[in-house]
Amino acid sequence: MTEKKQLREKIISLLKSKGSLYLGDITKEISVSPQSGYKYIEELMEEGIVVHQPNSLKITLA
């Protein structure tokens, strides 16, 4: 399994267990830079897997 796929799965698993989190919390939990974390979140958003909560900066599963 590639590192990218592992990190994406970690993000999904983290959101399943915690509900919703800020990007900074996600990047700390999976030990990546904010820039890398944003890239993964952006890809997951484009695929419809995660979304920003309405009126919030928190990210949650779609």
PDB file of N, CA and C in Angstrom:
ATOM      1  N   MET A   1       0.855  -1.183   0.000  1.00  0.00           N
ATOM      2  CA  MET A   1       0.000   0.000   0.000  1.00  0.00           C
ATOM      3  C   MET A   1       0.898   1.242   0.000  1.00  0.00           C
ATOM      4  N   THR A   2       0.563   2.201  -0.821  1.00  0.00           N
ATOM      5  CA  THR A   2       1.383   3.408  -0.898  1.00  0.00           C
ATOM      6  C   THR A   2       1.175   4.293   0.326  1.00  0.00           C
ATOM      7  N   GLU A   3       2.148   5.159   0.565  1.00  0.00           N
ATOM      8  CA  GLU A   3       2.039   6.073   1.714  1.00  0.00           C
ATOM      9  C   GLU A   3       0.820   6.984   1.565  1.00  0.00           C
ATOM     10  N   LYS A   4       0.578   7.439   0.339  1.00  0.00           N
ATOM     11  CA  LYS A   4      -0.575   8.312   0.096  1.00  0.00           C
ATOM     12  C   LYS A   4      -1.875   7.602   0.482  1.00  0.00           C
ATOM     13  N   LYS A   5      -2.011   6.360   0.070  1.00  0.00           N
ATOM     14  CA  LYS A   5      -3.228   5.609   0.379  1.00  0.00           C
ATOM     15  C   LYS A   5      -3.344   5.383   1.887  1.00  0.00           C
ATOM     16  N   GLN A   6      -2.234   5.103   2.539  1.00  0.00           N
ATOM     17  CA  GLN A   6      -2.245   4.902   3.993  1.00  0.00           C
ATOM     18  C   GLN A   6      -2.691   6.175   4.713  1.00  0.00           C
ATOM     19  N   LEU A   7      -2.184   7.323   4.281  1.00  0.00           N
ATOM     20  CA  LEU A   7      -2.557   8.585   4.925  1.00  0.00           C
ATOM     21  C   LEU A   7      -4.025   8.911   4.685  1.00  0.00           C
ATOM     22  N   ARG A   8      -4.509   8.661   3.489  1.00  0.00           N
ATOM     23  CA  ARG A   8      -5.924   8.890   3.205  1.00  0.00           C
ATOM     24  C   ARG A   8      -6.796   8.013   4.102  1.00  0.00           C
ATOM     25  N   GLU A   9      -6.404   6.762   4.265  1.00  0.00           N
ATOM     26  CA  GLU A   9      -7.168   5.851   5.114  1.00  0.00           C
ATOM     27  C   GLU A   9      -7.103   6.268   6.578  1.00  0.00           C
ATOM     28  N   LYS A  10      -5.954   6.795   7.009  1.00  0.00           N
ATOM     29  CA  LYS A  10      -5.824   7.297   8.384  1.00  0.00           C
ATOM     30  C   LYS A  10      -6.774   8.468   8.620  1.00  0.00           C
ATOM     31  N   ILE A  11      -6.858   9.367   7.639  1.00  0.00           N
ATOM     32  CA  ILE A  11      -7.758  10.528   7.759  1.00  0.00           C
ATOM     33  C   ILE A  11      -9.198  10.051   7.877  1.00  0.00           C
ATOM     34  N   ILE A  12      -9.600   9.130   7.013  1.00  0.00           N
ATOM     35  CA  ILE A  12     -10.968   8.621   7.029  1.00  0.00           C
ATOM     36  C   ILE A  12     -11.257   7.927   8.356  1.00  0.00           C
ATOM     37  N   SER A  13     -10.341   7.096   8.814  1.00  0.00           N
ATOM     38  CA  SER A  13     -10.509   6.390  10.078  1.00  0.00           C
ATOM     39  C   SER A  13     -10.603   7.364  11.251  1.00  0.00           C
ATOM     40  N   LEU A  14      -9.770   8.384  11.221  1.00  0.00           N
ATOM     41  CA  LEU A  14      -9.769   9.395  12.275  1.00  0.00           C
ATOM     42  C   LEU A  14     -11.110  10.123  12.326  1.00  0.00           C
ATOM     43  N   LEU A  15     -11.632  10.494  11.168  1.00  0.00           N
ATOM     44  CA  LEU A  15     -12.919  11.186  11.130  1.00  0.00           C
ATOM     45  C   LEU A  15     -14.070  10.262  11.528  1.00  0.00           C
ATOM     46  N   LYS A  16     -13.951   8.978  11.224  1.00  0.00           N
ATOM     47  CA  LYS A  16     -14.975   8.020  11.653  1.00  0.00           C
ATOM     48  C   LYS A  16     -15.008   7.938  13.176  1.00  0.00           C
ATOM     49  N   SER A  17     -13.840   7.943  13.791  1.00  0.00           N
ATOM     50  CA  SER A  17     -13.796   7.779  15.248  1.00  0.00           C
ATOM     51  C   SER A  17     -14.071   9.069  16.015  1.00  0.00           C
ATOM     52  N   LYS A  18     -13.687  10.217  15.454  1.00  0.00           N
ATOM     53  CA  LYS A  18     -13.823  11.479  16.195  1.00  0.00           C
ATOM     54  C   LYS A  18     -14.950  12.370  15.693  1.00  0.00           C
ATOM     55  N   GLY A  19     -15.532  12.045  14.563  1.00  0.00           N
ATOM     56  CA  GLY A  19     -16.633  12.858  14.044  1.00  0.00           C
ATOM     57  C   GLY A  19     -16.155  13.957  13.122  1.00  0.00           C
ATOM     58  N   SER A  20     -15.755  15.081  13.675  1.00  0.00           N
ATOM     59  CA  SER A  20     -15.275  16.180  12.853  1.00  0.00           C
ATOM     60  C   SER A  20     -14.076  16.830  13.541  1.00  0.00           C
ATOM     61  N   LEU A  21     -13.158  17.308  12.721  1.00  0.00           N
ATOM     62  CA  LEU A  21     -11.926  17.895  13.242  1.00  0.00           C
ATOM     63  C   LEU A  21     -11.485  19.061  12.369  1.00  0.00           C
ATOM     64  N   TYR A  22     -10.701  19.943  12.961  1.00  0.00           N
ATOM     65  CA  TYR A  22     -10.053  21.005  12.195  1.00  0.00           C
ATOM     66  C   TYR A  22      -8.866  20.404  11.459  1.00  0.00           C
ATOM     67  N   LEU A  23      -8.465  21.024  10.362  1.00  0.00           N
ATOM     68  CA  LEU A  23      -7.329  20.553   9.582  1.00  0.00           C
ATOM     69  C   LEU A  23      -6.085  20.406  10.452  1.00  0.00           C
ATOM     70  N   GLY A  24      -5.824  21.376  11.319  1.00  0.00           N
ATOM     71  CA  GLY A  24      -4.654  21.318  12.190  1.00  0.00           C
ATOM     72  C   GLY A  24      -4.660  20.101  13.091  1.00  0.00           C
ATOM     73  N   ASP A  25      -5.838  19.738  13.588  1.00  0.00           N
ATOM     74  CA  ASP A  25      -5.950  18.544  14.434  1.00  0.00           C
ATOM     75  C   ASP A  25      -5.673  17.276  13.625  1.00  0.00           C
ATOM     76  N   ILE A  26      -6.167  17.253  12.403  1.00  0.00           N
ATOM     77  CA  ILE A  26      -5.950  16.089  11.543  1.00  0.00           C
ATOM     78  C   ILE A  26      -4.464  15.935  11.243  1.00  0.00           C
ATOM     79  N   THR A  27      -3.800  17.026  10.872  1.00  0.00           N
ATOM     80  CA  THR A  27      -2.385  16.934  10.513  1.00  0.00           C
ATOM     81  C   THR A  27      -1.532  16.521  11.708  1.00  0.00           C
ATOM     82  N   LYS A  28      -1.890  16.964  12.898  1.00  0.00           N
ATOM     83  CA  LYS A  28      -1.149  16.539  14.095  1.00  0.00           C
ATOM     84  C   LYS A  28      -1.337  15.053  14.347  1.00  0.00           C
ATOM     85  N   GLU A  29      -2.566  14.583  14.210  1.00  0.00           N
ATOM     86  CA  GLU A  29      -2.880  13.171  14.479  1.00  0.00           C
ATOM     87  C   GLU A  29      -2.180  12.219  13.508  1.00  0.00           C
ATOM     88  N   ILE A  30      -2.057  12.633  12.239  1.00  0.00           N
ATOM     89  CA  ILE A  30      -1.438  11.738  11.258  1.00  0.00           C
ATOM     90  C   ILE A  30       0.017  12.104  10.979  1.00  0.00           C
ATOM     91  N   SER A  31       0.536  13.094  11.688  1.00  0.00           N
ATOM     92  CA  SER A  31       1.952  13.487  11.610  1.00  0.00           C
ATOM     93  C   SER A  31       2.414  13.895  10.210  1.00  0.00           C
ATOM     94  N   VAL A  32       1.681  14.838   9.614  1.00  0.00           N
ATOM     95  CA  VAL A  32       2.103  15.428   8.342  1.00  0.00           C
ATOM     96  C   VAL A  32       2.047  16.946   8.465  1.00  0.00           C
ATOM     97  N   SER A  33       2.696  17.626   7.537  1.00  0.00           N
ATOM     98  CA  SER A  33       2.670  19.084   7.532  1.00  0.00           C
ATOM     99  C   SER A  33       1.275  19.571   7.168  1.00  0.00           C
ATOM    100  N   PRO A  34       0.931  20.800   7.578  1.00  0.00           N
ATOM    101  CA  PRO A  34      -0.373  21.345   7.190  1.00  0.00           C
ATOM    102  C   PRO A  34      -0.572  21.363   5.673  1.00  0.00           C
ATOM    103  N   GLN A  35       0.493  21.647   4.923  1.00  0.00           N
ATOM    104  CA  GLN A  35       0.383  21.682   3.458  1.00  0.00           C
ATOM    105  C   GLN A  35       0.023  20.300   2.901  1.00  0.00           C
ATOM    106  N   SER A  36       0.700  19.273   3.398  1.00  0.00           N
ATOM    107  CA  SER A  36       0.401  17.915   2.936  1.00  0.00           C
ATOM    108  C   SER A  36      -0.999  17.499   3.357  1.00  0.00           C
ATOM    109  N   GLY A  37      -1.348  17.796   4.595  1.00  0.00           N
ATOM    110  CA  GLY A  37      -2.676  17.457   5.093  1.00  0.00           C
ATOM    111  C   GLY A  37      -3.758  18.108   4.271  1.00  0.00           C
ATOM    112  N   TYR A  38      -3.573  19.383   3.923  1.00  0.00           N
ATOM    113  CA  TYR A  38      -4.566  20.083   3.120  1.00  0.00           C
ATOM    114  C   TYR A  38      -4.702  19.423   1.753  1.00  0.00           C
ATOM    115  N   LYS A  39      -3.574  18.994   1.174  1.00  0.00           N
ATOM    116  CA  LYS A  39      -3.603  18.342  -0.133  1.00  0.00           C
ATOM    117  C   LYS A  39      -4.458  17.075  -0.078  1.00  0.00           C
ATOM    118  N   TYR A  40      -4.270  16.268   0.967  1.00  0.00           N
ATOM    119  CA  TYR A  40      -5.048  15.034   1.096  1.00  0.00           C
ATOM    120  C   TYR A  40      -6.521  15.336   1.334  1.00  0.00           C
ATOM    121  N   ILE A  41      -6.802  16.311   2.188  1.00  0.00           N
ATOM    122  CA  ILE A  41      -8.186  16.693   2.462  1.00  0.00           C
ATOM    123  C   ILE A  41      -8.855  17.213   1.193  1.00  0.00           C
ATOM    124  N   GLU A  42      -8.126  18.032   0.433  1.00  0.00           N
ATOM    125  CA  GLU A  42      -8.669  18.589  -0.807  1.00  0.00           C
ATOM    126  C   GLU A  42      -9.033  17.465  -1.782  1.00  0.00           C
ATOM    127  N   GLU A  43      -8.171  16.460  -1.895  1.00  0.00           N
ATOM    128  CA  GLU A  43      -8.467  15.323  -2.775  1.00  0.00           C
ATOM    129  C   GLU A  43      -9.702  14.565  -2.293  1.00  0.00           C
ATOM    130  N   LEU A  44      -9.791  14.350  -0.985  1.00  0.00           N
ATOM    131  CA  LEU A  44     -10.950  13.651  -0.435  1.00  0.00           C
ATOM    132  C   LEU A  44     -12.232  14.461  -0.630  1.00  0.00           C
ATOM    133  N   MET A  45     -12.128  15.785  -0.571  1.00  0.00           N
ATOM    134  CA  MET A  45     -13.299  16.643  -0.803  1.00  0.00           C
ATOM    135  C   MET A  45     -13.740  16.550  -2.262  1.00  0.00           C
ATOM    136  N   GLU A  46     -12.775  16.573  -3.187  1.00  0.00           N
ATOM    137  CA  GLU A  46     -13.101  16.474  -4.606  1.00  0.00           C
ATOM    138  C   GLU A  46     -13.796  15.151  -4.930  1.00  0.00           C
ATOM    139  N   GLU A  47     -13.442  14.107  -4.187  1.00  0.00           N
ATOM    140  CA  GLU A  47     -14.048  12.797  -4.403  1.00  0.00           C
ATOM    141  C   GLU A  47     -15.364  12.633  -3.648  1.00  0.00           C
ATOM    142  N   GLY A  48     -15.739  13.641  -2.855  1.00  0.00           N
ATOM    143  CA  GLY A  48     -16.996  13.590  -2.128  1.00  0.00           C
ATOM    144  C   GLY A  48     -16.957  12.742  -0.869  1.00  0.00           C
ATOM    145  N   ILE A  49     -15.752  12.443  -0.374  1.00  0.00           N
ATOM    146  CA  ILE A  49     -15.611  11.600   0.815  1.00  0.00           C
ATOM    147  C   ILE A  49     -15.697  12.427   2.093  1.00  0.00           C
ATOM    148  N   VAL A  50     -15.143  13.637   2.071  1.00  0.00           N
ATOM    149  CA  VAL A  50     -15.217  14.539   3.223  1.00  0.00           C
ATOM    150  C   VAL A  50     -15.753  15.891   2.783  1.00  0.00           C
ATOM    151  N   VAL A  51     -16.275  16.643   3.739  1.00  0.00           N
ATOM    152  CA  VAL A  51     -16.811  17.982   3.478  1.00  0.00           C
ATOM    153  C   VAL A  51     -16.486  18.886   4.657  1.00  0.00           C
ATOM    154  N   HIS A  52     -16.558  20.200   4.391  1.00  0.00           N
ATOM    155  CA  HIS A  52     -16.507  21.171   5.491  1.00  0.00           C
ATOM    156  C   HIS A  52     -17.893  21.215   6.100  1.00  0.00           C
ATOM    157  N   GLN A  53     -17.976  21.252   7.419  1.00  0.00           N
ATOM    158  CA  GLN A  53     -19.274  21.403   8.057  1.00  0.00           C
ATOM    159  C   GLN A  53     -19.817  22.789   7.721  1.00  0.00           C
ATOM    160  N   PRO A  54     -21.129  22.915   7.553  1.00  0.00           N
ATOM    161  CA  PRO A  54     -21.707  24.222   7.278  1.00  0.00           C
ATOM    162  C   PRO A  54     -21.364  25.222   8.386  1.00  0.00           C
ATOM    163  N   ASN A  55     -20.991  26.423   8.007  1.00  0.00           N
ATOM    164  CA  ASN A  55     -20.658  27.506   8.933  1.00  0.00           C
ATOM    165  C   ASN A  55     -19.528  27.143   9.896  1.00  0.00           C
ATOM    166  N   SER A  56     -18.611  26.304   9.436  1.00  0.00           N
ATOM    167  CA  SER A  56     -17.505  25.884  10.302  1.00  0.00           C
ATOM    168  C   SER A  56     -16.301  25.532   9.428  1.00  0.00           C
ATOM    169  N   LEU A  57     -15.142  25.543  10.042  1.00  0.00           N
ATOM    170  CA  LEU A  57     -13.932  25.125   9.354  1.00  0.00           C
ATOM    171  C   LEU A  57     -13.616  23.664   9.632  1.00  0.00           C
ATOM    172  N   LYS A  58     -14.480  22.998  10.384  1.00  0.00           N
ATOM    173  CA  LYS A  58     -14.248  21.590  10.703  1.00  0.00           C
ATOM    174  C   LYS A  58     -14.548  20.721   9.487  1.00  0.00           C
ATOM    175  N   ILE A  59     -13.812  19.624   9.402  1.00  0.00           N
ATOM    176  CA  ILE A  59     -13.968  18.681   8.316  1.00  0.00           C
ATOM    177  C   ILE A  59     -14.628  17.430   8.870  1.00  0.00           C
ATOM    178  N   THR A  60     -15.550  16.866   8.085  1.00  0.00           N
ATOM    179  CA  THR A  60     -16.268  15.661   8.509  1.00  0.00           C
ATOM    180  C   THR A  60     -16.467  14.760   7.305  1.00  0.00           C
ATOM    181  N   LEU A  61     -16.824  13.515   7.547  1.00  0.00           N
ATOM    182  CA  LEU A  61     -17.140  12.617   6.439  1.00  0.00           C
ATOM    183  C   LEU A  61     -18.433  13.053   5.781  1.00  0.00           C
ATOM    184  N   ALA A  62     -18.502  12.852   4.490  1.00  0.00           N
ATOM    185  CA  ALA A  62     -19.701  13.238   3.722  1.00  0.00           C
ATOM    186  C   ALA A  62     -20.834  12.273   3.984  1.00  0.00           C
TER     187      ALA A  62
END
